[in-house]
Every structure is written in structure tokens, then in C-alpha cells.
Amino acid sequence: MASKIVVGFDGSDSSRRAVDFAIKIAKARGKTLVIAHVLEWSPYSFLTPNELEERHQRRNEELQRAETALLNPLVEELSDSGVEITTVLKYGHIAETLVKIARDQEATHVVIGRTGHSLLESRLFGSVAGSLAQASPAPVTIVP
């Protein structure tokens, strides 16, 4: 089984630099690249059955939009990189979900951009990257 590098991607310039960096590492070391996109979704809400149904529908629409507008074009662009690429698309807290993805994929390395498009972007550096670095089951590289 080939070892894997998980890279967080949200479409931001910083996450694209992280992907480019991870591609170079994966190519040099013969590793598979797992591009992970996490949509942040608050679990804290008291909703009526109708609101829950609407929320579920919105969630499915957002997942589809992220796959078709963000992940698929990136994978297509990288198809001639010589690196095996897979994608993972999940909802949840970004750092916690990336840690779970890294564990599930048995990643040997995790790469993330320093800033991104998440709601946490406006917070002090370290919110996602720092949490990920502390909890990750594999070494983490934070790309500026």
C-alpha cells in the first residue's frame, strides 16, 4: 500500500500553494495525494423538522457544488502530474475533520495552507493550522 499525503484545500491561494507543495513531495517520494476539502458545519442548532429537511438539502447542494466547482477541476488540472490523486469531501470542524481524514487514510504527512477561506480565516494564525499540528497523527507542514 502506497503511503499518503493529505492536503487541505479550500480554493484559497494559500491552499493552492499547499497543494503544489504536496504534489512535489508526493512525486519525489512516490506517495498518493489525498486532497481534502472540509465544509464547516455547526452542529449546534435546534431546528424544526422542516428546517432540518431544508438544512439537509442545502448540505447536499453545498457538497455537490464543492465537488464540481472546486475538487473536480483541481484533480483534472493535476491529472498529468504523475501523482495518484484521490479526494475526500466532508462536513465538520476543519482541524478535527482533517485529523480524522489523516487517520482514516493512514497518512504519513499532512499539508495545509497558513490561511484559507474558512470562517476561521479572520482569526489569529494558528486556529486551524495550530490545532491540526497539535492533534495530527502525522507530521504537518504549514505552507505560507
Protein backbone atom coordinates (compact mmCIF):
# COMPACT_ATOMS: atom_id res chain seq x y z
CA MET A 1 0.00 0.00 0.00
CA ALA A 2 1.36 3.40 -1.02
CA SER A 3 1.77 5.93 1.73
CA LYS A 4 -0.42 9.01 1.54
CA ILE A 5 -0.13 12.75 1.96
CA VAL A 6 -3.30 14.56 2.97
CA VAL A 7 -3.55 18.18 1.86
CA GLY A 8 -6.30 20.56 2.94
CA PHE A 9 -7.78 22.55 0.05
CA ASP A 10 -10.45 25.24 0.15
CA GLY A 11 -9.75 27.09 -3.08
CA SER A 12 -7.72 29.87 -1.48
CA ASP A 13 -4.32 30.92 -2.81
CA SER A 14 -2.67 29.57 0.33
CA SER A 15 -4.34 26.17 -0.04
CA ARG A 16 -3.32 26.05 -3.70
CA ARG A 17 0.30 26.64 -2.69
CA ALA A 18 -0.13 23.79 -0.18
CA VAL A 19 -1.37 21.51 -2.99
CA ASP A 20 1.56 22.49 -5.22
CA PHE A 21 3.99 21.77 -2.37
CA ALA A 22 2.31 18.43 -1.59
CA ILE A 23 2.44 17.40 -5.27
CA LYS A 24 6.22 17.94 -5.29
CA ILE A 25 6.65 15.82 -2.16
CA ALA A 26 4.31 13.08 -3.40
CA LYS A 27 6.08 12.93 -6.75
CA ALA A 28 9.55 12.79 -5.20
CA ARG A 29 8.58 10.11 -2.67
CA GLY A 30 6.12 8.05 -4.72
CA LYS A 31 3.18 8.83 -2.47
CA THR A 32 -0.53 9.15 -3.15
CA LEU A 33 -2.04 12.60 -2.64
CA VAL A 34 -5.39 12.90 -0.86
CA ILE A 35 -6.94 16.32 -1.43
CA ALA A 36 -9.33 17.02 1.43
CA HIS A 37 -11.98 19.72 1.42
CA VAL A 38 -13.87 20.35 4.66
CA LEU A 39 -17.06 22.38 4.75
CA GLU A 40 -17.52 23.80 8.21
CA TRP A 41 -20.96 23.00 9.58
CA SER A 42 -22.19 23.93 13.01
CA PRO A 43 -23.72 21.01 14.91
CA TYR A 44 -25.28 23.40 17.42
CA SER A 45 -28.78 24.22 16.35
CA PHE A 46 -32.30 23.47 17.46
CA LEU A 47 -34.38 23.11 14.33
CA THR A 48 -37.90 22.15 13.40
CA PRO A 49 -38.41 19.10 11.15
CA ASN A 50 -38.92 21.43 8.16
CA GLU A 51 -35.75 23.34 8.96
CA LEU A 52 -33.84 20.06 9.30
CA GLU A 53 -35.05 18.97 5.86
CA GLU A 54 -34.02 22.31 4.34
CA ARG A 55 -30.66 22.13 6.06
CA HIS A 56 -30.06 18.60 4.76
CA GLN A 57 -30.94 19.73 1.23
CA ARG A 58 -28.58 22.76 1.50
CA ARG A 59 -25.84 20.50 2.79
CA ASN A 60 -26.18 18.15 -0.18
CA GLU A 61 -26.17 21.11 -2.57
CA GLU A 62 -23.02 22.51 -0.96
CA LEU A 63 -21.27 19.13 -1.18
CA GLN A 64 -22.19 18.81 -4.85
CA ARG A 65 -21.07 22.39 -5.58
CA ALA A 66 -17.74 21.86 -3.80
CA GLU A 67 -17.10 18.67 -5.73
CA THR A 68 -18.00 20.03 -9.17
CA ALA A 69 -16.66 23.58 -8.82
CA LEU A 70 -13.61 23.03 -6.63
CA LEU A 71 -12.30 19.48 -6.40
CA ASN A 72 -13.01 18.08 -9.87
CA PRO A 73 -11.34 20.98 -11.74
CA LEU A 74 -8.28 20.74 -9.48
CA VAL A 75 -7.94 16.98 -9.98
CA GLU A 76 -8.32 17.46 -13.73
CA GLU A 77 -5.64 20.16 -13.72
CA LEU A 78 -3.28 17.88 -11.79
CA SER A 79 -4.02 14.76 -13.84
CA ASP A 80 -0.71 14.93 -15.71
CA SER A 81 1.36 15.42 -12.54
CA GLY A 82 2.36 11.76 -12.38
CA VAL A 83 0.90 11.50 -8.87
CA GLU A 84 -2.04 9.31 -7.88
CA ILE A 85 -4.71 11.67 -6.55
CA THR A 86 -7.89 10.99 -4.60
CA THR A 87 -10.28 13.39 -2.90
CA VAL A 88 -12.25 13.48 0.33
CA LEU A 89 -15.13 15.87 0.93
CA LYS A 90 -16.54 16.15 4.47
CA TYR A 91 -18.51 18.40 6.79
CA GLY A 92 -17.27 19.29 10.25
CA HIS A 93 -14.81 21.32 12.28
CA ILE A 94 -11.90 21.84 9.90
CA ALA A 95 -8.95 20.80 12.08
CA GLU A 96 -10.79 17.90 13.74
CA THR A 97 -12.05 16.62 10.41
CA LEU A 98 -8.62 16.84 8.78
CA VAL A 99 -7.19 14.85 11.71
CA LYS A 100 -9.88 12.20 11.18
CA ILE A 101 -9.20 12.11 7.45
CA ALA A 102 -5.46 11.74 8.10
CA ARG A 103 -6.15 8.82 10.47
CA ASP A 104 -8.64 7.17 8.13
CA GLN A 105 -6.23 7.48 5.20
CA GLU A 106 -3.25 6.37 7.32
CA ALA A 107 -1.44 9.49 6.13
CA THR A 108 2.30 9.83 6.64
CA HIS A 109 2.20 13.61 6.12
CA VAL A 110 -0.39 16.40 6.28
CA VAL A 111 -0.04 19.69 4.40
CA ILE A 112 -2.17 22.79 4.94
CA GLY A 113 -2.03 26.42 3.88
CA ARG A 114 -1.46 29.03 6.53
CA THR A 115 -4.73 30.83 5.76
CA GLY A 116 -7.85 29.95 3.84
CA HIS A 117 -11.45 30.80 3.04
CA SER A 118 -12.89 29.25 6.19
CA LEU A 119 -14.79 31.18 8.81
CA LEU A 120 -11.63 30.87 10.88
CA GLU A 121 -9.60 32.84 8.34
CA SER A 122 -10.03 36.11 10.18
CA ARG A 123 -8.74 34.66 13.44
CA LEU A 124 -5.14 34.76 14.52
CA PHE A 125 -2.78 32.40 12.63
CA GLY A 126 -2.87 29.02 14.25
CA SER A 127 -6.57 28.43 14.63
CA VAL A 128 -6.77 25.59 12.12
CA ALA A 129 -3.09 25.08 11.40
CA GLY A 130 -2.06 25.11 15.06
CA SER A 131 -4.84 22.77 16.12
CA LEU A 132 -4.02 20.44 13.27
CA ALA A 133 -0.31 20.47 14.12
CA GLN A 134 -1.08 19.54 17.73
CA ALA A 135 -3.58 16.77 17.02
CA SER A 136 -2.42 15.27 13.73
CA PRO A 137 -1.34 11.63 13.68
CA ALA A 138 1.34 12.55 11.11
CA PRO A 139 3.82 15.41 10.68
CA VAL A 140 2.22 18.65 9.47
CA THR A 141 3.69 21.16 7.04
CA ILE A 142 2.13 24.64 7.06
CA VAL A 143 2.69 26.37 3.73
CA PRO A 144 2.71 30.19 3.69
